[in-house]
Amino acid sequence: MEDNPEQQPAREPEDLGRFFVERANAGDLEGLVALYEPNAVQAVPGGTPAAGTEAIRRVLGQFLAGNPKLSGVSQPALRLGDLALTSTRFDGGATAEVARRRPDGTWRWIIDQPRIVG
């Protein structure tokens, strides 16, 4: 999947959580999908993990169909070279993700666990 030139890329891993909240609240499915590497995997509550762009697009589309209104605070990332553990706290829970720095210096998620607490 190519970057959407209208979407600002994540320059820091902490940007990913903030962008997710902003884009979800705007109902921006393609903006959400752009936060993930093409081969990323996302946990699905009560189901098989979504692997790859099309599967993640389907899961996020179902999520947006519920017209969510999110609020959350991205926590400082824990970095090791080109990898980072990111997390966002929200009312009633938290997320955990692994992000990878791309050759152009931007960040995308490669593993997403959208609810670790709550």
PDB file of N, CA and C in Angstrom:
ATOM      1  N   MET A   1       0.842  -1.188   0.000  1.00  0.00           N
ATOM      2  CA  MET A   1       0.000   0.000   0.000  1.00  0.00           C
ATOM      3  C   MET A   1       0.876   1.235   0.000  1.00  0.00           C
ATOM      4  N   GLU A   2       0.587   2.182  -0.837  1.00  0.00           N
ATOM      5  CA  GLU A   2       1.346   3.416  -0.917  1.00  0.00           C
ATOM      6  C   GLU A   2       0.840   4.392   0.133  1.00  0.00           C
ATOM      7  N   ASP A   3       1.737   5.297   0.554  1.00  0.00           N
ATOM      8  CA  ASP A   3       1.338   6.335   1.494  1.00  0.00           C
ATOM      9  C   ASP A   3       0.331   7.267   0.840  1.00  0.00           C
ATOM     10  N   ASN A   4      -0.665   7.689   1.565  1.00  0.00           N
ATOM     11  CA  ASN A   4      -1.605   8.695   1.118  1.00  0.00           C
ATOM     12  C   ASN A   4      -0.947  10.044   1.349  1.00  0.00           C
ATOM     13  N   PRO A   5      -0.709  10.840   0.288  1.00  0.00           N
ATOM     14  CA  PRO A   5      -0.003  12.104   0.477  1.00  0.00           C
ATOM     15  C   PRO A   5      -0.749  13.091   1.357  1.00  0.00           C
ATOM     16  N   GLU A   6      -2.052  12.884   1.559  1.00  0.00           N
ATOM     17  CA  GLU A   6      -2.825  13.783   2.408  1.00  0.00           C
ATOM     18  C   GLU A   6      -2.681  13.438   3.888  1.00  0.00           C
ATOM     19  N   GLN A   7      -2.162  12.268   4.210  1.00  0.00           N
ATOM     20  CA  GLN A   7      -2.012  11.842   5.590  1.00  0.00           C
ATOM     21  C   GLN A   7      -0.582  12.085   6.060  1.00  0.00           C
ATOM     22  N   GLN A   8      -0.453  12.769   7.151  1.00  0.00           N
ATOM     23  CA  GLN A   8       0.864  12.995   7.735  1.00  0.00           C
ATOM     24  C   GLN A   8       1.410  11.674   8.254  1.00  0.00           C
ATOM     25  N   PRO A   9       2.654  11.327   7.906  1.00  0.00           N
ATOM     26  CA  PRO A   9       3.233  10.085   8.423  1.00  0.00           C
ATOM     27  C   PRO A   9       3.708  10.270   9.868  1.00  0.00           C
ATOM     28  N   ALA A  10       3.846   9.179  10.566  1.00  0.00           N
ATOM     29  CA  ALA A  10       4.334   9.208  11.947  1.00  0.00           C
ATOM     30  C   ALA A  10       5.850   9.422  11.922  1.00  0.00           C
ATOM     31  N   ARG A  11       6.295  10.538  12.439  1.00  0.00           N
ATOM     32  CA  ARG A  11       7.728  10.843  12.516  1.00  0.00           C
ATOM     33  C   ARG A  11       8.353  10.265  13.786  1.00  0.00           C
ATOM     34  N   GLU A  12       7.520  10.019  14.774  1.00  0.00           N
ATOM     35  CA  GLU A  12       7.934   9.403  16.043  1.00  0.00           C
ATOM     36  C   GLU A  12       6.942   8.281  16.327  1.00  0.00           C
ATOM     37  N   PRO A  13       7.369   7.231  17.019  1.00  0.00           N
ATOM     38  CA  PRO A  13       6.426   6.135  17.285  1.00  0.00           C
ATOM     39  C   PRO A  13       5.213   6.577  18.098  1.00  0.00           C
ATOM     40  N   GLU A  14       5.379   7.558  18.963  1.00  0.00           N
ATOM     41  CA  GLU A  14       4.255   8.048  19.767  1.00  0.00           C
ATOM     42  C   GLU A  14       3.164   8.693  18.909  1.00  0.00           C
ATOM     43  N   ASP A  15       3.523   9.159  17.712  1.00  0.00           N
ATOM     44  CA  ASP A  15       2.534   9.759  16.816  1.00  0.00           C
ATOM     45  C   ASP A  15       1.457   8.764  16.422  1.00  0.00           C
ATOM     46  N   LEU A  16       1.804   7.485  16.341  1.00  0.00           N
ATOM     47  CA  LEU A  16       0.863   6.480  15.849  1.00  0.00           C
ATOM     48  C   LEU A  16      -0.415   6.435  16.676  1.00  0.00           C
ATOM     49  N   GLY A  17      -0.296   6.400  17.989  1.00  0.00           N
ATOM     50  CA  GLY A  17      -1.490   6.356  18.840  1.00  0.00           C
ATOM     51  C   GLY A  17      -2.334   7.611  18.709  1.00  0.00           C
ATOM     52  N   ARG A  18      -1.684   8.754  18.668  1.00  0.00           N
ATOM     53  CA  ARG A  18      -2.405  10.030  18.508  1.00  0.00           C
ATOM     54  C   ARG A  18      -3.129  10.059  17.165  1.00  0.00           C
ATOM     55  N   PHE A  19      -2.428   9.650  16.105  1.00  0.00           N
ATOM     56  CA  PHE A  19      -3.050   9.621  14.787  1.00  0.00           C
ATOM     57  C   PHE A  19      -4.226   8.641  14.755  1.00  0.00           C
ATOM     58  N   PHE A  20      -4.089   7.500  15.432  1.00  0.00           N
ATOM     59  CA  PHE A  20      -5.184   6.529  15.447  1.00  0.00           C
ATOM     60  C   PHE A  20      -6.437   7.169  16.047  1.00  0.00           C
ATOM     61  N   VAL A  21      -6.294   7.833  17.189  1.00  0.00           N
ATOM     62  CA  VAL A  21      -7.449   8.466  17.838  1.00  0.00           C
ATOM     63  C   VAL A  21      -8.055   9.521  16.918  1.00  0.00           C
ATOM     64  N   GLU A  22      -7.220  10.391  16.340  1.00  0.00           N
ATOM     65  CA  GLU A  22      -7.718  11.456  15.466  1.00  0.00           C
ATOM     66  C   GLU A  22      -8.435  10.890  14.249  1.00  0.00           C
ATOM     67  N   ARG A  23      -7.822   9.914  13.603  1.00  0.00           N
ATOM     68  CA  ARG A  23      -8.378   9.362  12.374  1.00  0.00           C
ATOM     69  C   ARG A  23      -9.627   8.525  12.637  1.00  0.00           C
ATOM     70  N   ALA A  24      -9.647   7.789  13.734  1.00  0.00           N
ATOM     71  CA  ALA A  24     -10.846   7.021  14.080  1.00  0.00           C
ATOM     72  C   ALA A  24     -12.009   7.966  14.360  1.00  0.00           C
ATOM     73  N   ASN A  25     -11.762   9.026  15.092  1.00  0.00           N
ATOM     74  CA  ASN A  25     -12.819   9.988  15.400  1.00  0.00           C
ATOM     75  C   ASN A  25     -13.333  10.688  14.145  1.00  0.00           C
ATOM     76  N   ALA A  26     -12.480  10.793  13.121  1.00  0.00           N
ATOM     77  CA  ALA A  26     -12.875  11.401  11.853  1.00  0.00           C
ATOM     78  C   ALA A  26     -13.496  10.385  10.893  1.00  0.00           C
ATOM     79  N   GLY A  27     -13.506   9.096  11.278  1.00  0.00           N
ATOM     80  CA  GLY A  27     -14.043   8.059  10.409  1.00  0.00           C
ATOM     81  C   GLY A  27     -13.165   7.786   9.198  1.00  0.00           C
ATOM     82  N   ASP A  28     -11.876   8.031   9.321  1.00  0.00           N
ATOM     83  CA  ASP A  28     -10.916   7.935   8.214  1.00  0.00           C
ATOM     84  C   ASP A  28     -10.305   6.536   8.141  1.00  0.00           C
ATOM     85  N   LEU A  29     -10.987   5.629   7.443  1.00  0.00           N
ATOM     86  CA  LEU A  29     -10.526   4.249   7.353  1.00  0.00           C
ATOM     87  C   LEU A  29      -9.155   4.157   6.697  1.00  0.00           C
ATOM     88  N   GLU A  30      -8.961   4.787   5.562  1.00  0.00           N
ATOM     89  CA  GLU A  30      -7.671   4.671   4.875  1.00  0.00           C
ATOM     90  C   GLU A  30      -6.551   5.322   5.680  1.00  0.00           C
ATOM     91  N   GLY A  31      -6.869   6.369   6.422  1.00  0.00           N
ATOM     92  CA  GLY A  31      -5.869   6.972   7.303  1.00  0.00           C
ATOM     93  C   GLY A  31      -5.450   6.022   8.406  1.00  0.00           C
ATOM     94  N   LEU A  32      -6.391   5.232   8.918  1.00  0.00           N
ATOM     95  CA  LEU A  32      -6.057   4.228   9.930  1.00  0.00           C
ATOM     96  C   LEU A  32      -5.201   3.118   9.328  1.00  0.00           C
ATOM     97  N   VAL A  33      -5.611   2.617   8.181  1.00  0.00           N
ATOM     98  CA  VAL A  33      -4.873   1.531   7.533  1.00  0.00           C
ATOM     99  C   VAL A  33      -3.431   1.973   7.249  1.00  0.00           C
ATOM    100  N   ALA A  34      -3.231   3.238   6.933  1.00  0.00           N
ATOM    101  CA  ALA A  34      -1.896   3.763   6.621  1.00  0.00           C
ATOM    102  C   ALA A  34      -0.951   3.742   7.825  1.00  0.00           C
ATOM    103  N   LEU A  35      -1.465   3.499   9.015  1.00  0.00           N
ATOM    104  CA  LEU A  35      -0.618   3.425  10.210  1.00  0.00           C
ATOM    105  C   LEU A  35       0.073   2.071  10.340  1.00  0.00           C
ATOM    106  N   TYR A  36      -0.298   1.106   9.504  1.00  0.00           N
ATOM    107  CA  TYR A  36       0.194  -0.271   9.604  1.00  0.00           C
ATOM    108  C   TYR A  36       1.086  -0.638   8.419  1.00  0.00           C
ATOM    109  N   GLU A  37       2.101  -1.452   8.695  1.00  0.00           N
ATOM    110  CA  GLU A  37       2.906  -2.054   7.627  1.00  0.00           C
ATOM    111  C   GLU A  37       2.007  -3.000   6.826  1.00  0.00           C
ATOM    112  N   PRO A  38       2.297  -3.212   5.546  1.00  0.00           N
ATOM    113  CA  PRO A  38       1.465  -4.111   4.738  1.00  0.00           C
ATOM    114  C   PRO A  38       1.374  -5.536   5.290  1.00  0.00           C
ATOM    115  N   ASN A  39       2.367  -6.000   6.010  1.00  0.00           N
ATOM    116  CA  ASN A  39       2.356  -7.366   6.550  1.00  0.00           C
ATOM    117  C   ASN A  39       2.056  -7.392   8.047  1.00  0.00           C
ATOM    118  N   ALA A  40       1.465  -6.326   8.566  1.00  0.00           N
ATOM    119  CA  ALA A  40       1.178  -6.228   9.998  1.00  0.00           C
ATOM    120  C   ALA A  40       0.133  -7.256  10.427  1.00  0.00           C
ATOM    121  N   VAL A  41       0.092  -7.484  11.739  1.00  0.00           N
ATOM    122  CA  VAL A  41      -0.912  -8.363  12.339  1.00  0.00           C
ATOM    123  C   VAL A  41      -1.583  -7.615  13.481  1.00  0.00           C
ATOM    124  N   GLN A  42      -2.903  -7.783  13.574  1.00  0.00           N
ATOM    125  CA  GLN A  42      -3.692  -7.112  14.603  1.00  0.00           C
ATOM    126  C   GLN A  42      -4.556  -8.141  15.319  1.00  0.00           C
ATOM    127  N   ALA A  43      -4.509  -8.130  16.643  1.00  0.00           N
ATOM    128  CA  ALA A  43      -5.370  -9.007  17.424  1.00  0.00           C
ATOM    129  C   ALA A  43      -6.824  -8.583  17.249  1.00  0.00           C
ATOM    130  N   VAL A  44      -7.702  -9.579  17.201  1.00  0.00           N
ATOM    131  CA  VAL A  44      -9.133  -9.329  17.068  1.00  0.00           C
ATOM    132  C   VAL A  44      -9.811  -9.983  18.263  1.00  0.00           C
ATOM    133  N   PRO A  45     -10.461  -9.185  19.135  1.00  0.00           N
ATOM    134  CA  PRO A  45     -11.099  -9.772  20.301  1.00  0.00           C
ATOM    135  C   PRO A  45     -12.034 -10.917  19.923  1.00  0.00           C
ATOM    136  N   GLY A  46     -11.783 -12.077  20.493  1.00  0.00           N
ATOM    137  CA  GLY A  46     -12.625 -13.236  20.266  1.00  0.00           C
ATOM    138  C   GLY A  46     -12.508 -13.864  18.893  1.00  0.00           C
ATOM    139  N   GLY A  47     -11.472 -13.489  18.128  1.00  0.00           N
ATOM    140  CA  GLY A  47     -11.358 -14.035  16.779  1.00  0.00           C
ATOM    141  C   GLY A  47      -9.923 -14.288  16.378  1.00  0.00           C
ATOM    142  N   THR A  48      -9.760 -14.686  15.137  1.00  0.00           N
ATOM    143  CA  THR A  48      -8.443 -14.933  14.564  1.00  0.00           C
ATOM    144  C   THR A  48      -7.776 -13.600  14.266  1.00  0.00           C
ATOM    145  N   PRO A  49      -6.485 -13.451  14.577  1.00  0.00           N
ATOM    146  CA  PRO A  49      -5.800 -12.186  14.270  1.00  0.00           C
ATOM    147  C   PRO A  49      -5.928 -11.822  12.790  1.00  0.00           C
ATOM    148  N   ALA A  50      -6.025 -10.532  12.533  1.00  0.00           N
ATOM    149  CA  ALA A  50      -6.068 -10.012  11.170  1.00  0.00           C
ATOM    150  C   ALA A  50      -4.632  -9.812  10.707  1.00  0.00           C
ATOM    151  N   ALA A  51      -4.277 -10.413   9.578  1.00  0.00           N
ATOM    152  CA  ALA A  51      -2.916 -10.315   9.053  1.00  0.00           C
ATOM    153  C   ALA A  51      -2.944  -9.699   7.665  1.00  0.00           C
ATOM    154  N   GLY A  52      -2.197  -8.638   7.474  1.00  0.00           N
ATOM    155  CA  GLY A  52      -2.102  -7.983   6.175  1.00  0.00           C
ATOM    156  C   GLY A  52      -3.091  -6.844   6.018  1.00  0.00           C
ATOM    157  N   THR A  53      -2.823  -6.027   5.027  1.00  0.00           N
ATOM    158  CA  THR A  53      -3.590  -4.800   4.812  1.00  0.00           C
ATOM    159  C   THR A  53      -5.079  -5.039   4.651  1.00  0.00           C
ATOM    160  N   GLU A  54      -5.479  -5.971   3.808  1.00  0.00           N
ATOM    161  CA  GLU A  54      -6.911  -6.163   3.546  1.00  0.00           C
ATOM    162  C   GLU A  54      -7.655  -6.655   4.785  1.00  0.00           C
ATOM    163  N   ALA A  55      -7.058  -7.565   5.528  1.00  0.00           N
ATOM    164  CA  ALA A  55      -7.701  -8.063   6.749  1.00  0.00           C
ATOM    165  C   ALA A  55      -7.811  -6.958   7.793  1.00  0.00           C
ATOM    166  N   ILE A  56      -6.764  -6.173   7.937  1.00  0.00           N
ATOM    167  CA  ILE A  56      -6.800  -5.063   8.897  1.00  0.00           C
ATOM    168  C   ILE A  56      -7.821  -4.023   8.445  1.00  0.00           C
ATOM    169  N   ARG A  57      -7.905  -3.753   7.163  1.00  0.00           N
ATOM    170  CA  ARG A  57      -8.913  -2.812   6.646  1.00  0.00           C
ATOM    171  C   ARG A  57     -10.324  -3.295   7.009  1.00  0.00           C
ATOM    172  N   ARG A  58     -10.591  -4.591   6.854  1.00  0.00           N
ATOM    173  CA  ARG A  58     -11.925  -5.132   7.198  1.00  0.00           C
ATOM    174  C   ARG A  58     -12.226  -4.942   8.683  1.00  0.00           C
ATOM    175  N   VAL A  59     -11.259  -5.277   9.537  1.00  0.00           N
ATOM    176  CA  VAL A  59     -11.463  -5.148  10.985  1.00  0.00           C
ATOM    177  C   VAL A  59     -11.684  -3.686  11.370  1.00  0.00           C
ATOM    178  N   LEU A  60     -10.864  -2.812  10.832  1.00  0.00           N
ATOM    179  CA  LEU A  60     -11.011  -1.392  11.157  1.00  0.00           C
ATOM    180  C   LEU A  60     -12.295  -0.812  10.585  1.00  0.00           C
ATOM    181  N   GLY A  61     -12.719  -1.296   9.426  1.00  0.00           N
ATOM    182  CA  GLY A  61     -13.993  -0.860   8.864  1.00  0.00           C
ATOM    183  C   GLY A  61     -15.161  -1.234   9.761  1.00  0.00           C
ATOM    184  N   GLN A  62     -15.126  -2.445  10.310  1.00  0.00           N
ATOM    185  CA  GLN A  62     -16.169  -2.873  11.249  1.00  0.00           C
ATOM    186  C   GLN A  62     -16.126  -2.018  12.517  1.00  0.00           C
ATOM    187  N   PHE A  63     -14.917  -1.714  12.972  1.00  0.00           N
ATOM    188  CA  PHE A  63     -14.752  -0.862  14.155  1.00  0.00           C
ATOM    189  C   PHE A  63     -15.366   0.517  13.892  1.00  0.00           C
ATOM    190  N   LEU A  64     -15.057   1.118  12.758  1.00  0.00           N
ATOM    191  CA  LEU A  64     -15.575   2.451  12.440  1.00  0.00           C
ATOM    192  C   LEU A  64     -17.080   2.453  12.220  1.00  0.00           C
ATOM    193  N   ALA A  65     -17.640   1.317  11.807  1.00  0.00           N
ATOM    194  CA  ALA A  65     -19.086   1.240  11.590  1.00  0.00           C
ATOM    195  C   ALA A  65     -19.859   1.529  12.874  1.00  0.00           C
ATOM    196  N   GLY A  66     -19.223   1.306  14.018  1.00  0.00           N
ATOM    197  CA  GLY A  66     -19.838   1.611  15.304  1.00  0.00           C
ATOM    198  C   GLY A  66     -19.737   3.073  15.684  1.00  0.00           C
ATOM    199  N   ASN A  67     -19.173   3.904  14.792  1.00  0.00           N
ATOM    200  CA  ASN A  67     -19.021   5.345  15.020  1.00  0.00           C
ATOM    201  C   ASN A  67     -18.374   5.651  16.375  1.00  0.00           C
ATOM    202  N   PRO A  68     -17.189   5.085  16.632  1.00  0.00           N
ATOM    203  CA  PRO A  68     -16.554   5.294  17.929  1.00  0.00           C
ATOM    204  C   PRO A  68     -16.101   6.738  18.120  1.00  0.00           C
ATOM    205  N   LYS A  69     -16.103   7.171  19.345  1.00  0.00           N
ATOM    206  CA  LYS A  69     -15.524   8.459  19.731  1.00  0.00           C
ATOM    207  C   LYS A  69     -14.476   8.140  20.782  1.00  0.00           C
ATOM    208  N   LEU A  70     -13.229   8.229  20.369  1.00  0.00           N
ATOM    209  CA  LEU A  70     -12.116   7.814  21.218  1.00  0.00           C
ATOM    210  C   LEU A  70     -11.448   8.992  21.884  1.00  0.00           C
ATOM    211  N   SER A  71     -10.881   8.720  23.027  1.00  0.00           N
ATOM    212  CA  SER A  71      -9.954   9.650  23.664  1.00  0.00           C
ATOM    213  C   SER A  71      -8.890   8.777  24.303  1.00  0.00           C
ATOM    214  N   GLY A  72      -7.684   9.207  24.216  1.00  0.00           N
ATOM    215  CA  GLY A  72      -6.593   8.428  24.773  1.00  0.00           C
ATOM    216  C   GLY A  72      -5.316   9.240  24.781  1.00  0.00           C
ATOM    217  N   VAL A  73      -4.372   8.775  25.568  1.00  0.00           N
ATOM    218  CA  VAL A  73      -3.087   9.458  25.702  1.00  0.00           C
ATOM    219  C   VAL A  73      -1.986   8.475  25.351  1.00  0.00           C
ATOM    220  N   SER A  74      -1.229   8.803  24.311  1.00  0.00           N
ATOM    221  CA  SER A  74      -0.090   7.966  23.935  1.00  0.00           C
ATOM    222  C   SER A  74       0.979   8.056  25.011  1.00  0.00           C
ATOM    223  N   GLN A  75       1.505   6.910  25.390  1.00  0.00           N
ATOM    224  CA  GLN A  75       2.559   6.836  26.394  1.00  0.00           C
ATOM    225  C   GLN A  75       3.922   6.911  25.697  1.00  0.00           C
ATOM    226  N   PRO A  76       4.970   7.294  26.420  1.00  0.00           N
ATOM    227  CA  PRO A  76       6.298   7.303  25.798  1.00  0.00           C
ATOM    228  C   PRO A  76       6.654   5.904  25.295  1.00  0.00           C
ATOM    229  N   ALA A  77       7.202   5.848  24.095  1.00  0.00           N
ATOM    230  CA  ALA A  77       7.574   4.565  23.496  1.00  0.00           C
ATOM    231  C   ALA A  77       8.862   4.043  24.110  1.00  0.00           C
ATOM    232  N   LEU A  78       8.972   2.739  24.151  1.00  0.00           N
ATOM    233  CA  LEU A  78      10.198   2.061  24.558  1.00  0.00           C
ATOM    234  C   LEU A  78      10.882   1.620  23.277  1.00  0.00           C
ATOM    235  N   ARG A  79      12.055   2.186  22.999  1.00  0.00           N
ATOM    236  CA  ARG A  79      12.719   1.963  21.709  1.00  0.00           C
ATOM    237  C   ARG A  79      13.934   1.067  21.829  1.00  0.00           C
ATOM    238  N   LEU A  80      14.136   0.289  20.764  1.00  0.00           N
ATOM    239  CA  LEU A  80      15.340  -0.512  20.594  1.00  0.00           C
ATOM    240  C   LEU A  80      15.658  -0.485  19.101  1.00  0.00           C
ATOM    241  N   GLY A  81      16.599   0.369  18.713  1.00  0.00           N
ATOM    242  CA  GLY A  81      16.944   0.506  17.305  1.00  0.00           C
ATOM    243  C   GLY A  81      15.753   0.937  16.479  1.00  0.00           C
ATOM    244  N   ASP A  82      15.408   0.126  15.469  1.00  0.00           N
ATOM    245  CA  ASP A  82      14.306   0.448  14.569  1.00  0.00           C
ATOM    246  C   ASP A  82      12.967  -0.110  15.034  1.00  0.00           C
ATOM    247  N   LEU A  83      12.896  -0.597  16.278  1.00  0.00           N
ATOM    248  CA  LEU A  83      11.645  -1.101  16.842  1.00  0.00           C
ATOM    249  C   LEU A  83      11.243  -0.256  18.042  1.00  0.00           C
ATOM    250  N   ALA A  84       9.937  -0.189  18.281  1.00  0.00           N
ATOM    251  CA  ALA A  84       9.436   0.543  19.444  1.00  0.00           C
ATOM    252  C   ALA A  84       8.169  -0.129  19.954  1.00  0.00           C
ATOM    253  N   LEU A  85       8.036  -0.203  21.269  1.00  0.00           N
ATOM    254  CA  LEU A  85       6.808  -0.659  21.905  1.00  0.00           C
ATOM    255  C   LEU A  85       6.000   0.585  22.222  1.00  0.00           C
ATOM    256  N   THR A  86       4.805   0.675  21.645  1.00  0.00           N
ATOM    257  CA  THR A  86       3.946   1.828  21.877  1.00  0.00           C
ATOM    258  C   THR A  86       2.726   1.403  22.680  1.00  0.00           C
ATOM    259  N   SER A  87       2.104   2.379  23.321  1.00  0.00           N
ATOM    260  CA  SER A  87       0.916   2.109  24.119  1.00  0.00           C
ATOM    261  C   SER A  87       0.095   3.385  24.228  1.00  0.00           C
ATOM    262  N   THR A  88      -1.212   3.208  24.241  1.00  0.00           N
ATOM    263  CA  THR A  88      -2.128   4.324  24.455  1.00  0.00           C
ATOM    264  C   THR A  88      -3.071   3.938  25.576  1.00  0.00           C
ATOM    265  N   ARG A  89      -3.211   4.814  26.548  1.00  0.00           N
ATOM    266  CA  ARG A  89      -4.171   4.598  27.634  1.00  0.00           C
ATOM    267  C   ARG A  89      -5.466   5.306  27.280  1.00  0.00           C
ATOM    268  N   PHE A  90      -6.567   4.639  27.557  1.00  0.00           N
ATOM    269  CA  PHE A  90      -7.885   5.219  27.343  1.00  0.00           C
ATOM    270  C   PHE A  90      -8.776   4.810  28.494  1.00  0.00           C
ATOM    271  N   ASP A  91      -9.941   5.440  28.620  1.00  0.00           N
ATOM    272  CA  ASP A  91     -10.860   5.084  29.700  1.00  0.00           C
ATOM    273  C   ASP A  91     -11.148   3.599  29.648  1.00  0.00           C
ATOM    274  N   GLY A  92     -10.807   2.893  30.707  1.00  0.00           N
ATOM    275  CA  GLY A  92     -11.107   1.482  30.814  1.00  0.00           C
ATOM    276  C   GLY A  92     -10.100   0.547  30.184  1.00  0.00           C
ATOM    277  N   GLY A  93      -8.958   1.044  29.730  1.00  0.00           N
ATOM    278  CA  GLY A  93      -8.021   0.114  29.127  1.00  0.00           C
ATOM    279  C   GLY A  93      -6.763   0.739  28.582  1.00  0.00           C
ATOM    280  N   ALA A  94      -6.050  -0.068  27.832  1.00  0.00           N
ATOM    281  CA  ALA A  94      -4.804   0.360  27.199  1.00  0.00           C
ATOM    282  C   ALA A  94      -4.536  -0.535  25.997  1.00  0.00           C
ATOM    283  N   THR A  95      -3.703  -0.047  25.102  1.00  0.00           N
ATOM    284  CA  THR A  95      -3.275  -0.798  23.929  1.00  0.00           C
ATOM    285  C   THR A  95      -1.788  -1.097  24.047  1.00  0.00           C
ATOM    286  N   ALA A  96      -1.310  -2.028  23.250  1.00  0.00           N
ATOM    287  CA  ALA A  96       0.132  -2.297  23.135  1.00  0.00           C
ATOM    288  C   ALA A  96       0.408  -2.647  21.680  1.00  0.00           C
ATOM    289  N   GLU A  97       1.439  -2.009  21.116  1.00  0.00           N
ATOM    290  CA  GLU A  97       1.784  -2.246  19.726  1.00  0.00           C
ATOM    291  C   GLU A  97       3.301  -2.269  19.584  1.00  0.00           C
ATOM    292  N   VAL A  98       3.751  -2.913  18.517  1.00  0.00           N
ATOM    293  CA  VAL A  98       5.156  -2.853  18.123  1.00  0.00           C
ATOM    294  C   VAL A  98       5.202  -2.074  16.817  1.00  0.00           C
ATOM    295  N   ALA A  99       6.026  -1.045  16.798  1.00  0.00           N
ATOM    296  CA  ALA A  99       6.206  -0.220  15.607  1.00  0.00           C
ATOM    297  C   ALA A  99       7.610  -0.443  15.058  1.00  0.00           C
ATOM    298  N   ARG A 100       7.733  -0.218  13.753  1.00  0.00           N
ATOM    299  CA  ARG A 100       9.049  -0.357  13.117  1.00  0.00           C
ATOM    300  C   ARG A 100       9.334   0.919  12.319  1.00  0.00           C
ATOM    301  N   ARG A 101      10.585   1.393  12.450  1.00  0.00           N
ATOM    302  CA  ARG A 101      11.010   2.544  11.663  1.00  0.00           C
ATOM    303  C   ARG A 101      11.283   2.085  10.233  1.00  0.00           C
ATOM    304  N   ARG A 102      10.745   2.825   9.289  1.00  0.00           N
ATOM    305  CA  ARG A 102      10.922   2.537   7.868  1.00  0.00           C
ATOM    306  C   ARG A 102      12.201   3.206   7.364  1.00  0.00           C
ATOM    307  N   PRO A 103      12.695   2.812   6.206  1.00  0.00           N
ATOM    308  CA  PRO A 103      13.920   3.411   5.673  1.00  0.00           C
ATOM    309  C   PRO A 103      13.862   4.938   5.542  1.00  0.00           C
ATOM    310  N   ASP A 104      12.651   5.497   5.340  1.00  0.00           N
ATOM    311  CA  ASP A 104      12.525   6.955   5.228  1.00  0.00           C
ATOM    312  C   ASP A 104      12.444   7.657   6.582  1.00  0.00           C
ATOM    313  N   GLY A 105      12.555   6.894   7.687  1.00  0.00           N
ATOM    314  CA  GLY A 105      12.533   7.466   9.032  1.00  0.00           C
ATOM    315  C   GLY A 105      11.163   7.539   9.664  1.00  0.00           C
ATOM    316  N   THR A 106      10.107   7.213   8.928  1.00  0.00           N
ATOM    317  CA  THR A 106       8.762   7.225   9.505  1.00  0.00           C
ATOM    318  C   THR A 106       8.493   5.892  10.196  1.00  0.00           C
ATOM    319  N   TRP A 107       7.424   5.843  10.963  1.00  0.00           N
ATOM    320  CA  TRP A 107       7.086   4.666  11.764  1.00  0.00           C
ATOM    321  C   TRP A 107       5.722   4.131  11.368  1.00  0.00           C
ATOM    322  N   ARG A 108       5.588   2.804  11.414  1.00  0.00           N
ATOM    323  CA  ARG A 108       4.299   2.128  11.236  1.00  0.00           C
ATOM    324  C   ARG A 108       4.239   0.952  12.202  1.00  0.00           C
ATOM    325  N   TRP A 109       3.012   0.586  12.564  1.00  0.00           N
ATOM    326  CA  TRP A 109       2.828  -0.580  13.417  1.00  0.00           C
ATOM    327  C   TRP A 109       3.002  -1.861  12.617  1.00  0.00           C
ATOM    328  N   ILE A 110       3.600  -2.854  13.270  1.00  0.00           N
ATOM    329  CA  ILE A 110       3.700  -4.187  12.673  1.00  0.00           C
ATOM    330  C   ILE A 110       2.921  -5.216  13.490  1.00  0.00           C
ATOM    331  N   ILE A 111       2.703  -4.927  14.778  1.00  0.00           N
ATOM    332  CA  ILE A 111       1.908  -5.792  15.660  1.00  0.00           C
ATOM    333  C   ILE A 111       1.010  -4.887  16.493  1.00  0.00           C
ATOM    334  N   ASP A 112      -0.265  -5.235  16.594  1.00  0.00           N
ATOM    335  CA  ASP A 112      -1.216  -4.405  17.339  1.00  0.00           C
ATOM    336  C   ASP A 112      -2.099  -5.281  18.207  1.00  0.00           C
ATOM    337  N   GLN A 113      -2.045  -5.003  19.508  1.00  0.00           N
ATOM    338  CA  GLN A 113      -2.962  -5.610  20.480  1.00  0.00           C
ATOM    339  C   GLN A 113      -3.816  -4.449  20.992  1.00  0.00           C
ATOM    340  N   PRO A 114      -5.028  -4.256  20.426  1.00  0.00           N
ATOM    341  CA  PRO A 114      -5.801  -3.065  20.757  1.00  0.00           C
ATOM    342  C   PRO A 114      -6.379  -3.007  22.162  1.00  0.00           C
ATOM    343  N   ARG A 115      -6.358  -4.115  22.894  1.00  0.00           N
ATOM    344  CA  ARG A 115      -6.879  -4.045  24.263  1.00  0.00           C
ATOM    345  C   ARG A 115      -6.114  -5.051  25.122  1.00  0.00           C
ATOM    346  N   ILE A 116      -5.238  -4.506  25.991  1.00  0.00           N
ATOM    347  CA  ILE A 116      -4.510  -5.382  26.892  1.00  0.00           C
ATOM    348  C   ILE A 116      -5.065  -5.327  28.302  1.00  0.00           C
ATOM    349  N   VAL A 117      -5.839  -4.279  28.587  1.00  0.00           N
ATOM    350  CA  VAL A 117      -6.443  -4.102  29.900  1.00  0.00           C
ATOM    351  C   VAL A 117      -7.844  -3.585  29.672  1.00  0.00           C
ATOM    352  N   GLY A 118      -8.761  -4.008  30.500  1.00  0.00           N
ATOM    353  CA  GLY A 118     -10.095  -3.418  30.417  1.00  0.00           C
ATOM    354  C   GLY A 118     -11.150  -4.384  30.020  1.00  0.00           C
TER     355      GLY A 118
END
